[in-house]
Amino acid sequence: MCLGIPGRIVERYGDEDLPMGIVDFGGVRREVCLAYVADEAEVGDYAIVHVGFAISLVDEEEAKRTYEALKELDQLDELEWMTEIGSGPSPAVDGDAEGAA
């Protein structure tokens, strides 16, 4: 099953004219393409991320509800795996998880 995981945008930057950012998923930070939400996304916003692309924005409460539902359904295996080994599909970014979803 393909899932969109909610995360908080903690950094925005351009990579060869492609809007990119760092998104925090409950302490796991990953590089994400922000092209689909570039006109509206700001640092501190929450986005639903699917295969490295932010596909929509959600408010903080919806992000928390979604994250908790996925946790209860045991659907956060990828994030747990990335946390355990400290790497994943995209490079890990060091930093604190304060204020994460």
Protein backbone atom coordinates (compact mmCIF):
# COMPACT_ATOMS: atom_id res chain seq x y z
CA MET A 1 0.00 0.00 0.00
CA CYS A 2 1.26 3.47 -0.84
CA LEU A 3 0.92 6.03 1.91
CA GLY A 4 1.36 9.74 2.26
CA ILE A 5 3.05 10.50 5.57
CA PRO A 6 2.54 13.86 7.32
CA GLY A 7 5.60 15.87 8.28
CA ARG A 8 6.59 19.41 9.23
CA ILE A 9 8.61 21.50 6.78
CA VAL A 10 11.68 22.70 8.68
CA GLU A 11 13.72 24.15 5.81
CA ARG A 12 13.15 25.36 2.23
CA TYR A 13 15.72 25.84 -0.52
CA GLY A 14 16.11 25.56 -4.28
CA ASP A 15 18.04 22.80 -5.98
CA GLU A 16 18.69 23.78 -9.62
CA ASP A 17 15.42 25.76 -9.72
CA LEU A 18 13.48 22.91 -8.10
CA PRO A 19 11.85 23.87 -4.78
CA MET A 20 13.13 21.49 -2.14
CA GLY A 21 13.01 21.28 1.61
CA ILE A 22 13.71 19.26 4.70
CA VAL A 23 10.65 17.67 6.30
CA ASP A 24 10.58 16.28 9.84
CA PHE A 25 8.58 13.09 10.34
CA GLY A 26 8.46 12.73 14.11
CA GLY A 27 12.23 13.04 14.46
CA VAL A 28 13.27 11.56 11.11
CA ARG A 29 14.25 14.30 8.66
CA ARG A 30 14.32 13.81 4.92
CA GLU A 31 14.86 15.88 1.81
CA VAL A 32 11.55 16.38 -0.04
CA CYS A 33 10.56 17.98 -3.34
CA LEU A 34 8.15 20.86 -2.69
CA ALA A 35 7.25 21.54 -6.34
CA TYR A 36 3.57 20.58 -5.95
CA VAL A 37 3.06 22.93 -2.97
CA ALA A 38 5.74 25.54 -3.69
CA ASP A 39 3.36 28.50 -3.98
CA GLU A 40 1.79 27.90 -0.58
CA ALA A 41 4.26 25.95 1.58
CA GLU A 42 6.30 27.73 4.23
CA VAL A 43 8.64 26.59 6.98
CA GLY A 44 6.48 25.34 9.83
CA ASP A 45 3.67 24.07 7.58
CA TYR A 46 2.68 20.42 7.56
CA ALA A 47 2.64 18.46 4.32
CA ILE A 48 1.58 15.02 3.22
CA VAL A 49 4.63 13.42 1.59
CA HIS A 50 4.49 10.50 -0.83
CA VAL A 51 7.67 8.97 -2.31
CA GLY A 52 9.72 12.10 -1.64
CA PHE A 53 7.16 14.65 -2.91
CA ALA A 54 5.01 16.93 -0.77
CA ILE A 55 1.63 16.44 -2.43
CA SER A 56 -0.60 18.63 -0.24
CA LEU A 57 -0.61 20.76 2.87
CA VAL A 58 -2.61 19.97 6.01
CA ASP A 59 -3.08 21.77 9.29
CA GLU A 60 -1.16 20.65 12.36
CA GLU A 61 -4.12 18.87 13.95
CA GLU A 62 -4.84 16.85 10.81
CA ALA A 63 -1.15 15.95 10.52
CA LYS A 64 -1.11 14.70 14.12
CA ARG A 65 -4.35 12.70 13.66
CA THR A 66 -3.03 11.10 10.48
CA TYR A 67 0.35 10.29 12.03
CA GLU A 68 -1.31 8.71 15.08
CA ALA A 69 -3.72 6.69 12.90
CA LEU A 70 -0.80 5.36 10.84
CA LYS A 71 1.07 4.54 14.03
CA GLU A 72 -1.94 2.61 15.38
CA LEU A 73 -2.28 0.75 12.08
CA ASP A 74 1.43 -0.11 12.23
CA GLN A 75 2.00 1.62 8.88
CA LEU A 76 5.10 3.61 9.84
CA ASP A 77 7.58 0.79 9.22
CA GLU A 78 9.63 2.86 6.75
CA LEU A 79 10.15 5.66 9.27
CA GLU A 80 11.03 3.19 12.02
CA TRP A 81 13.49 1.45 9.69
CA MET A 82 15.12 4.76 8.77
CA THR A 83 15.40 5.75 12.44
CA GLU A 84 17.04 2.45 13.38
CA ILE A 85 19.79 2.58 10.77
CA GLY A 86 20.07 6.36 10.50
CA SER A 87 19.60 6.42 6.74
CA GLY A 88 17.02 5.74 4.10
CA PRO A 89 16.02 6.59 0.57
CA SER A 90 17.32 10.14 0.95
CA PRO A 91 20.17 11.46 3.09
CA ALA A 92 19.52 11.98 6.78
CA VAL A 93 19.68 15.49 8.11
CA ASP A 94 20.86 16.06 11.64
CA GLY A 95 18.85 18.26 13.92
CA ASP A 96 16.43 18.19 16.80
CA ALA A 97 12.85 17.03 16.48
CA GLU A 98 11.34 19.82 18.55
CA GLY A 99 7.86 20.68 17.33
CA ALA A 100 7.66 17.65 15.06
CA ALA A 101 4.38 16.00 14.12
